[in-house]
Protein backbone atom coordinates (compact mmCIF):
# COMPACT_ATOMS: atom_id res chain seq x y z
CA MET A 1 7.82 -21.85 -8.41
CA THR A 2 6.52 -22.94 -5.07
CA VAL A 3 6.28 -21.31 -1.51
CA ASP A 4 6.03 -22.54 1.82
CA HIS A 5 2.39 -21.80 2.77
CA ALA A 6 0.94 -24.58 4.92
CA ALA A 7 1.08 -22.36 8.18
CA ALA A 8 -0.23 -19.41 6.27
CA ILE A 9 -3.39 -20.90 4.92
CA PRO A 10 -6.57 -19.34 7.05
CA PRO A 11 -8.59 -22.25 8.38
CA HIS A 12 -11.70 -21.07 6.40
CA ILE A 13 -9.88 -21.78 2.90
CA SER A 14 -10.47 -25.48 1.59
CA ALA A 15 -7.27 -26.91 0.72
CA HIS A 16 -8.28 -27.68 -2.81
CA LEU A 17 -8.68 -24.07 -3.71
CA VAL A 18 -4.90 -23.21 -2.61
CA GLN A 19 -2.81 -22.85 -5.50
CA ASP A 20 0.85 -23.16 -4.60
CA PHE A 21 2.46 -20.37 -6.39
CA ASP A 22 3.02 -16.51 -6.13
CA LEU A 23 0.84 -15.37 -9.09
CA TRP A 24 2.87 -12.17 -9.69
CA ALA A 25 6.34 -13.95 -9.57
CA GLU A 26 5.26 -16.81 -11.65
CA LEU A 27 4.02 -14.18 -14.41
CA THR A 28 7.11 -12.51 -14.33
CA ALA A 29 9.06 -15.60 -14.75
CA GLN A 30 7.08 -16.52 -17.43
CA GLY A 31 8.30 -13.79 -19.33
CA GLU A 32 6.94 -13.23 -23.07
CA ASN A 33 4.76 -16.22 -22.17
CA ALA A 34 2.87 -14.56 -19.24
CA TYR A 35 -0.33 -14.06 -20.65
CA ALA A 36 -0.56 -17.56 -22.59
CA TRP A 37 0.38 -18.74 -18.92
CA ALA A 38 -2.31 -16.55 -17.28
CA ALA A 39 -5.07 -17.95 -20.01
CA ASN A 40 -4.33 -21.29 -19.10
CA LEU A 41 -5.27 -20.62 -15.49
CA HIS A 42 -8.83 -20.82 -16.85
CA ARG A 43 -8.23 -24.36 -17.74
CA SER A 44 -6.30 -25.59 -14.57
CA THR A 45 -7.67 -23.74 -11.46
CA PRO A 46 -10.97 -23.65 -9.71
CA PRO A 47 -13.01 -20.43 -10.53
CA ILE A 48 -11.97 -18.68 -7.36
CA PHE A 49 -8.66 -20.01 -6.00
CA TRP A 50 -6.24 -18.62 -3.23
CA VAL A 51 -2.68 -17.83 -3.48
CA PRO A 52 -0.37 -17.79 -0.12
CA ARG A 53 1.71 -14.75 -1.20
CA LEU A 54 1.27 -12.15 -3.98
CA SER A 55 4.89 -10.58 -4.36
CA PHE A 56 5.61 -8.60 -1.04
CA LEU A 57 1.75 -9.01 -0.26
CA SER A 58 0.20 -11.70 1.87
CA GLY A 59 -2.31 -14.16 0.56
CA THR A 60 -5.22 -13.42 -1.47
CA TRP A 61 -8.20 -14.74 -3.22
CA VAL A 62 -8.12 -14.74 -7.20
CA PRO A 63 -11.39 -14.69 -9.06
CA ARG A 64 -10.46 -15.69 -12.55
CA ARG A 65 -14.11 -15.45 -14.38
CA ALA A 66 -15.19 -12.15 -15.65
CA GLU A 67 -18.57 -12.82 -14.28
CA ASP A 68 -17.35 -13.02 -10.59
CA LEU A 69 -15.17 -10.07 -11.17
CA ARG A 70 -17.78 -7.99 -12.23
CA ARG A 71 -20.05 -8.87 -9.37
CA ILE A 72 -17.30 -8.15 -7.00
CA LEU A 73 -16.55 -4.75 -8.69
CA GLN A 74 -20.39 -3.86 -8.65
CA ASP A 75 -20.80 -4.54 -4.81
CA PRO A 76 -18.50 -2.05 -2.98
CA GLU A 77 -20.14 -2.70 0.28
CA THR A 78 -19.04 -6.03 0.42
CA PHE A 79 -15.66 -5.54 -1.28
CA SER A 80 -14.08 -2.42 -0.15
CA SER A 81 -11.71 -0.28 -1.66
CA VAL A 82 -10.23 1.56 1.36
CA GLY A 83 -6.51 0.94 2.20
CA LEU A 84 -6.11 -0.76 -1.42
CA THR A 85 -2.61 1.02 -1.52
CA PRO A 86 0.07 0.96 1.15
CA TYR A 87 1.78 4.53 0.55
CA ALA A 88 0.27 6.44 3.28
CA MET A 89 0.84 3.56 5.85
CA LEU A 90 4.47 3.51 4.94
CA LEU A 91 4.91 6.99 5.79
CA GLY A 92 2.99 6.86 8.82
CA GLU A 93 0.08 8.78 7.54
CA SER A 94 -3.88 8.61 6.97
CA TRP A 95 -4.47 10.25 3.75
CA ARG A 96 -6.29 8.10 1.10
CA LEU A 97 -6.00 8.13 -2.86
CA ALA A 98 -9.38 9.62 -3.57
CA PRO A 99 -11.55 8.56 -5.27
CA LEU A 100 -9.65 5.20 -5.61
CA GLU A 101 -9.65 4.34 -2.06
CA VAL A 102 -12.96 5.97 -1.23
CA ASP A 103 -16.18 3.70 -1.24
CA PRO A 104 -19.78 5.07 -2.31
CA PRO A 105 -21.54 7.35 -1.51
CA ASP A 106 -18.49 9.56 -0.94
CA HIS A 107 -16.72 8.28 -3.97
CA ALA A 108 -19.01 10.14 -6.28
CA LYS A 109 -18.00 13.42 -4.67
CA TYR A 110 -14.65 12.82 -5.41
CA ARG A 111 -15.22 11.50 -8.94
CA ALA A 112 -17.30 14.68 -9.82
CA LEU A 113 -14.10 16.73 -9.48
CA LEU A 114 -12.09 14.77 -12.08
CA ASN A 115 -14.67 14.02 -14.64
CA PRO A 116 -14.73 17.33 -16.22
CA LEU A 117 -10.99 16.90 -16.80
CA PHE A 118 -11.39 13.83 -18.98
CA THR A 119 -14.17 14.21 -21.14
CA PRO A 120 -13.79 13.30 -24.92
CA LYS A 121 -14.09 17.05 -25.51
CA LYS A 122 -11.06 17.80 -23.56
CA VAL A 123 -9.17 14.78 -25.23
CA ASP A 124 -10.37 16.30 -28.53
CA ALA A 125 -8.67 19.63 -27.65
CA LEU A 126 -5.34 17.67 -27.07
CA GLU A 127 -5.48 15.71 -30.35
CA GLN A 128 -2.74 18.20 -32.16
CA ASP A 129 -0.23 18.32 -29.23
CA ILE A 130 -0.57 14.40 -28.86
CA ARG A 131 0.30 13.99 -32.49
CA ALA A 132 3.10 16.54 -32.41
CA LEU A 133 4.70 14.89 -29.41
CA ALA A 134 4.52 11.60 -30.90
CA THR A 135 5.89 12.73 -34.23
CA GLN A 136 8.86 14.65 -32.43
CA LEU A 137 9.97 11.50 -30.43
CA ILE A 138 9.61 9.32 -33.59
CA GLU A 139 11.52 11.74 -35.71
CA ALA A 140 14.42 11.30 -33.06
CA VAL A 141 14.87 7.81 -33.63
CA ALA A 142 13.60 7.26 -37.16
CA GLU A 143 16.94 7.21 -38.92
CA GLN A 144 18.79 5.20 -36.45
CA GLY A 145 17.27 2.12 -37.38
CA ARG A 146 16.67 0.79 -33.99
CA CYS A 147 15.62 2.25 -30.51
CA ASP A 148 14.98 1.52 -26.95
CA PHE A 149 11.40 1.70 -27.12
CA ASN A 150 10.66 2.18 -23.44
CA GLU A 151 13.35 4.90 -23.00
CA ASP A 152 12.99 6.80 -26.44
CA PHE A 153 9.08 6.57 -26.40
CA ALA A 154 6.97 4.58 -24.30
CA LYS A 155 7.83 6.43 -21.19
CA ALA A 156 8.28 9.73 -22.73
CA PHE A 157 5.35 9.86 -24.78
CA PRO A 158 2.25 9.57 -22.33
CA THR A 159 4.30 11.34 -19.59
CA LEU A 160 4.80 14.67 -21.68
CA ILE A 161 1.00 14.45 -22.73
CA PHE A 162 -0.11 14.01 -19.10
CA LEU A 163 2.00 16.70 -17.72
CA LYS A 164 0.41 19.05 -20.30
CA LEU A 165 -2.92 18.36 -19.35
CA MET A 166 -2.36 18.49 -15.76
CA GLY A 167 -0.31 21.98 -16.24
CA TRP A 168 2.73 20.45 -14.32
CA PRO A 169 6.14 21.24 -15.30
CA LEU A 170 7.30 19.51 -18.46
CA GLU A 171 10.95 19.75 -17.55
CA GLU A 172 10.15 17.47 -14.35
CA ARG A 173 9.62 14.53 -16.77
CA PRO A 174 12.69 12.46 -16.10
CA LEU A 175 12.16 12.76 -12.21
CA PHE A 176 8.41 11.97 -12.59
CA GLN A 177 9.22 8.90 -14.63
CA HIS A 178 11.86 7.69 -12.28
CA TRP A 179 9.69 8.02 -9.24
CA THR A 180 6.76 6.51 -11.07
CA GLN A 181 8.76 3.58 -12.17
CA THR A 182 10.29 2.71 -8.87
CA LEU A 183 7.19 3.29 -6.75
CA ILE A 184 5.00 0.83 -8.83
CA LYS A 185 7.66 -1.66 -10.00
CA SER A 186 9.77 -1.98 -6.72
CA VAL A 187 9.38 -4.91 -4.41
CA ASP A 188 11.92 -3.26 -2.03
CA MET A 189 9.93 -1.54 0.80
CA GLN A 190 12.38 0.96 1.67
CA VAL A 191 12.62 1.94 -1.93
CA VAL A 192 8.80 2.33 -2.29
CA THR A 193 8.83 4.22 1.22
CA ASP A 194 11.61 6.56 -0.02
CA ASN A 195 9.80 7.26 -3.27
CA ALA A 196 6.64 7.79 -1.78
CA ARG A 197 8.14 10.21 0.64
CA ALA A 198 9.71 12.11 -2.14
CA ILE A 199 6.62 12.39 -4.11
CA THR A 200 4.49 13.42 -1.48
CA GLY A 201 7.15 16.03 -0.66
CA TRP A 202 6.89 17.31 -4.42
CA ILE A 203 3.15 17.41 -4.40
CA ARG A 204 2.80 19.15 -0.88
CA ASN A 205 5.34 21.84 -2.20
CA HIS A 206 3.52 22.35 -5.37
CA ILE A 207 0.09 22.63 -3.48
CA ALA A 208 1.67 25.52 -1.19
CA GLU A 209 3.06 27.26 -4.23
CA ARG A 210 -0.41 27.13 -5.70
CA ARG A 211 -2.05 28.32 -2.58
CA LEU A 212 0.07 31.64 -2.88
CA ASP A 213 0.02 31.81 -6.58
CA PRO A 214 -2.79 29.99 -8.33
CA GLY A 215 -2.37 29.02 -12.09
CA ASP A 216 -4.11 27.31 -14.77
CA ASP A 217 -3.22 23.82 -13.58
CA PHE A 218 -5.02 20.93 -11.94
CA THR A 219 -3.72 21.75 -8.60
CA SER A 220 -5.02 25.07 -8.81
CA TYR A 221 -8.29 23.67 -9.83
CA LEU A 222 -8.67 21.61 -7.06
CA LEU A 223 -7.78 24.39 -4.48
CA ALA A 224 -10.73 26.24 -5.84
CA SER A 225 -13.06 23.28 -5.97
CA GLN A 226 -15.58 22.23 -3.01
CA ILE A 227 -16.88 19.25 -1.31
CA ASP A 228 -20.15 19.33 0.25
CA GLY A 229 -19.69 23.10 0.39
CA ARG A 230 -16.35 23.08 1.94
CA ALA A 231 -12.84 23.45 0.44
CA LEU A 232 -10.67 20.23 0.18
CA THR A 233 -8.45 19.54 3.14
CA ASP A 234 -4.66 19.16 3.00
CA ASP A 235 -5.02 15.35 2.96
CA GLU A 236 -7.83 15.19 0.24
CA MET A 237 -5.66 17.49 -2.01
CA LEU A 238 -2.61 15.30 -1.21
CA GLY A 239 -4.48 12.07 -2.08
CA ILE A 240 -6.05 13.34 -5.13
CA ASN A 241 -2.84 14.92 -6.66
CA PHE A 242 -0.88 11.37 -5.71
CA LEU A 243 -3.55 9.35 -7.35
CA ILE A 244 -3.30 11.48 -10.56
CA PHE A 245 0.42 11.37 -10.52
CA ILE A 246 0.76 7.66 -10.43
CA GLY A 247 -2.27 6.78 -12.45
CA GLY A 248 -1.35 9.19 -15.34
CA LEU A 249 2.32 8.47 -15.54
CA ASP A 250 2.56 4.67 -15.86
CA THR A 251 -0.46 2.71 -17.48
CA VAL A 252 -0.12 4.13 -20.85
CA THR A 253 3.57 3.64 -20.85
CA SER A 254 2.87 -0.21 -19.74
CA SER A 255 0.36 -0.81 -22.42
CA ILE A 256 2.35 0.88 -25.32
CA GLY A 257 5.23 -1.31 -24.57
CA LEU A 258 2.96 -4.48 -24.76
CA PHE A 259 1.38 -3.52 -27.87
CA PHE A 260 4.58 -2.84 -29.79
CA ARG A 261 6.08 -6.07 -28.35
CA HIS A 262 3.00 -7.94 -29.89
CA LEU A 263 3.47 -6.08 -33.42
CA ALA A 264 7.12 -6.87 -33.41
CA ARG A 265 6.55 -10.43 -32.67
CA HIS A 266 3.64 -10.78 -35.14
CA PRO A 267 4.79 -9.03 -38.52
CA GLU A 268 1.49 -10.34 -40.05
CA GLN A 269 -0.66 -8.50 -37.80
CA GLN A 270 1.67 -5.62 -38.15
CA ALA A 271 1.30 -5.76 -41.93
CA GLN A 272 -2.44 -6.14 -41.53
CA LEU A 273 -2.64 -2.73 -39.79
CA ARG A 274 -0.40 -1.28 -42.42
CA ALA A 275 -2.39 -2.52 -45.10
CA ASN A 276 -5.69 -1.52 -43.32
CA PRO A 277 -5.17 1.50 -40.97
CA GLU A 278 -8.97 1.87 -40.45
CA LEU A 279 -8.55 -1.39 -38.15
CA ILE A 280 -6.40 0.45 -35.66
CA PRO A 281 -9.11 1.48 -33.29
CA ASN A 282 -10.28 -2.21 -33.33
CA ALA A 283 -6.79 -3.09 -32.59
CA VAL A 284 -6.29 -0.84 -29.75
CA GLU A 285 -9.67 -2.47 -28.08
CA GLU A 286 -8.22 -6.07 -28.79
CA LEU A 287 -4.53 -5.52 -27.47
CA LEU A 288 -6.15 -3.65 -24.46
CA ARG A 289 -8.11 -6.94 -23.94
CA SER A 290 -5.44 -9.39 -24.63
CA TYR A 291 -2.66 -7.46 -22.72
CA SER A 292 -4.67 -6.05 -19.67
CA ILE A 293 -2.28 -4.64 -17.05
CA VAL A 294 -3.87 -3.42 -14.00
CA ASN A 295 -4.49 -5.54 -10.80
CA MET A 296 -6.29 -4.06 -8.06
CA ARG A 297 -7.32 -5.37 -4.57
CA ARG A 298 -10.56 -5.14 -2.38
CA THR A 299 -10.84 -6.10 1.26
CA VAL A 300 -13.88 -8.23 2.29
CA THR A 301 -16.09 -6.61 4.81
CA ARG A 302 -18.50 -9.23 5.78
CA ASP A 303 -18.43 -12.90 5.16
CA VAL A 304 -19.67 -13.90 1.69
CA GLN A 305 -20.02 -17.15 -0.55
CA ILE A 306 -19.17 -17.06 -4.09
CA GLY A 307 -19.18 -20.50 -5.64
CA GLU A 308 -17.16 -22.84 -3.54
CA ALA A 309 -15.17 -19.81 -1.89
CA LEU A 310 -16.27 -18.65 1.54
CA MET A 311 -14.52 -15.24 1.84
CA LYS A 312 -14.47 -13.98 5.50
CA LYS A 313 -14.34 -10.72 6.63
CA GLY A 314 -10.75 -9.10 6.23
CA ASP A 315 -9.86 -11.34 3.37
CA MET A 316 -8.25 -9.77 0.49
CA VAL A 317 -9.40 -10.31 -3.10
CA LEU A 318 -7.33 -9.64 -6.31
CA ILE A 319 -9.21 -8.12 -9.08
CA SER A 320 -7.08 -9.31 -12.26
CA THR A 321 -8.18 -7.60 -15.33
CA GLU A 322 -6.13 -9.72 -17.43
CA LEU A 323 -7.79 -12.99 -16.23
CA ALA A 324 -11.27 -11.33 -16.82
CA ASN A 325 -10.31 -10.31 -20.46
CA LEU A 326 -8.76 -13.93 -21.07
CA ASP A 327 -11.91 -15.69 -19.96
CA PRO A 328 -13.08 -18.33 -22.38
CA GLU A 329 -16.68 -18.01 -21.29
CA VAL A 330 -16.91 -14.55 -22.57
CA PHE A 331 -14.62 -14.30 -25.53
CA ASP A 332 -14.41 -16.99 -28.21
CA ASN A 333 -10.62 -18.01 -28.69
CA ALA A 334 -9.62 -15.62 -25.73
CA ASP A 335 -6.13 -16.27 -25.72
CA GLN A 336 -5.72 -15.10 -29.57
CA VAL A 337 -5.31 -11.61 -30.72
CA ASP A 338 -8.01 -10.96 -33.34
CA PHE A 339 -8.31 -7.53 -34.98
CA LEU A 340 -11.31 -8.74 -36.65
CA ARG A 341 -12.99 -9.66 -33.32
CA SER A 342 -16.56 -8.88 -33.56
CA SER A 343 -17.68 -5.38 -32.66
CA GLY A 344 -20.50 -6.97 -31.11
CA ALA A 345 -18.03 -9.06 -28.54
CA ALA A 346 -18.44 -8.40 -25.04
CA PRO A 347 -16.67 -5.28 -23.70
CA HIS A 348 -13.36 -5.79 -21.99
CA MET A 349 -12.48 -4.76 -18.59
CA ALA A 350 -9.06 -3.37 -19.15
CA PHE A 351 -10.12 -0.05 -17.69
CA SER A 352 -11.98 -2.07 -14.66
CA TYR A 353 -15.76 -1.98 -14.10
CA GLY A 354 -18.11 -0.21 -11.72
CA VAL A 355 -17.73 3.03 -9.92
CA HIS A 356 -14.02 2.75 -10.01
CA ARG A 357 -13.86 2.63 -13.72
CA CYS A 358 -10.77 4.32 -15.24
CA VAL A 359 -11.49 8.23 -15.48
CA GLY A 360 -8.65 8.64 -17.76
CA SER A 361 -9.82 5.82 -20.46
CA HIS A 362 -10.65 8.37 -23.29
CA LEU A 363 -7.32 9.86 -23.09
CA ALA A 364 -5.67 6.55 -22.88
CA ARG A 365 -7.25 5.22 -25.97
CA ARG A 366 -6.49 8.40 -28.07
CA GLU A 367 -2.78 8.08 -27.05
CA LEU A 368 -2.69 4.45 -27.88
CA ARG A 369 -4.42 4.99 -31.18
CA ILE A 370 -2.28 7.79 -32.48
CA ALA A 371 0.97 6.20 -31.28
CA LEU A 372 0.07 2.98 -33.51
CA GLU A 373 -1.01 5.43 -36.35
CA LEU A 374 2.14 7.41 -36.34
CA TRP A 375 4.55 4.43 -35.73
CA LEU A 376 3.12 2.38 -38.45
CA LYS A 377 3.26 5.49 -41.05
CA LEU A 378 6.72 6.73 -40.15
CA ILE A 379 8.60 3.67 -39.42
CA PRO A 380 9.42 0.42 -41.61
CA PRO A 381 8.23 -2.89 -40.42
CA PHE A 382 9.93 -3.35 -37.10
CA ARG A 383 10.97 -6.36 -35.12
CA ILE A 384 12.74 -7.11 -31.87
CA ALA A 385 16.22 -5.65 -32.19
CA ASP A 386 19.17 -8.28 -32.69
CA GLY A 387 20.95 -9.37 -29.62
CA THR A 388 18.29 -8.24 -27.49
CA GLN A 389 15.40 -10.18 -25.20
CA PRO A 390 12.38 -8.39 -24.09
CA ARG A 391 11.49 -8.55 -20.40
CA PHE A 392 8.32 -8.58 -18.64
CA SER A 393 7.26 -7.74 -15.28
CA ALA A 394 3.94 -8.41 -13.53
CA VAL A 395 4.65 -6.68 -10.18
CA GLY A 396 2.12 -3.98 -9.70
CA VAL A 397 1.07 -2.65 -13.27
CA PHE A 398 2.05 -5.07 -15.76
CA GLY A 399 4.29 -4.18 -18.60
CA MET A 400 7.66 -4.34 -20.49
CA GLU A 401 10.79 -3.84 -18.28
CA ASP A 402 13.08 -3.67 -21.56
CA LEU A 403 11.99 -3.54 -25.10
CA HIS A 404 14.32 -2.76 -28.11
CA LEU A 405 13.08 -2.19 -31.55
CA GLN A 406 14.78 -2.58 -35.06
CA TRP A 407 13.72 -1.85 -38.57
CA ASP A 408 15.51 -1.61 -42.00
CA PRO A 409 16.30 1.82 -43.50
CA VAL A 410 13.49 3.25 -45.86
CA VAL A 411 14.67 3.24 -49.42
CA GLY A 412 13.95 6.58 -51.30
CA THR A 413 12.71 8.54 -48.59
CA ALA A 414 16.00 10.23 -47.34
CA SER A 415 14.79 13.74 -48.45
CA ALA A 416 11.42 13.65 -46.57
CA THR A 417 11.37 14.08 -42.57
CA PRO A 418 8.88 12.17 -40.60
CA ALA A 419 6.83 15.08 -40.22
CA GLU A 420 6.64 15.67 -43.91
CA ARG A 421 5.58 12.11 -44.50
CA VAL A 422 2.92 12.56 -42.02
CA SER A 423 1.29 15.31 -43.71
CA ALA A 424 1.77 13.63 -47.25
């Protein structure tokens, strides 16, 4: 796939660093081969290259080495997060997704508001709810022998858990799922704008309701919080709620789809986990590394040289967690999924790195682990459903657009419900 970029290459970018493809479009076109194609970029491109287009976005630098990506993420003065997303701009407004789009030192003030909500202790308190919801969703499809995995489990499971944690209305789940998917996955700017307007409208109404009638929910918590001895402004309230909305309702969904597609395509590794459930925590980490989903951007605030790349003030840089985690300089056989990978291996960057590391990583890990545990315990060996073909998308947050699974009936367990087999 090529694009006409000759006129779009800034003069400070050396021609040999330009790669003539739209990275996200190429990854999407690769389908199930996307991550193998991404791994090959470590053999076929310069350490830092430049692409003239990224879906609907303009040209950007793409560092592929984990070392360079960590350096960039540890230098927010040079590589700023301000203006990272287009949502406020599309609406003609100026609020920020705090703390994501806030640089240090102010970043820490907003992050301090979120940290207490996602501690391991808070996640522990949700364990039984997570297990109960997962079991309920699995029960609904277990006897069918097949399911639309995205619709029947991957979207509903993390969304319900997240709404419960936030104290937001569970009955709004279908609407929230629709908004999140269209906001993040669409390349139609009108669709993105319309959904951003709908989401901000809902959030503003919810904030107004909680001002009048505070409750035991996340929005009420923020209304009672302070920064620098003052209450949060309306824009700050909106930005934080909007960030939590999109961050909590999509990323685990995307990861779960990729995890289960892998296990459906690799029955030997599925059998490995069934025979050795103690490997599931390792498997979660290895699958997070192998199928990282988040791409972020940074704006260069001053001219900087990294290797051959001269980045000028105003340039954009793509932070690709999948390229970082497929770096053969860091991980042996990086393009292979190995549930026995040494615990002493370098840490992956699936949850980013530095000050903006994902605040919800403890909750995400717990949901992913429980999802694997219960599916492998309650559902027989599963595979890609007959007559279907999984579809992958690399726009925004990577994930499976379509995934149908199938399994054979369980012999001799008709009298036992999935919930009873869990407690057995």
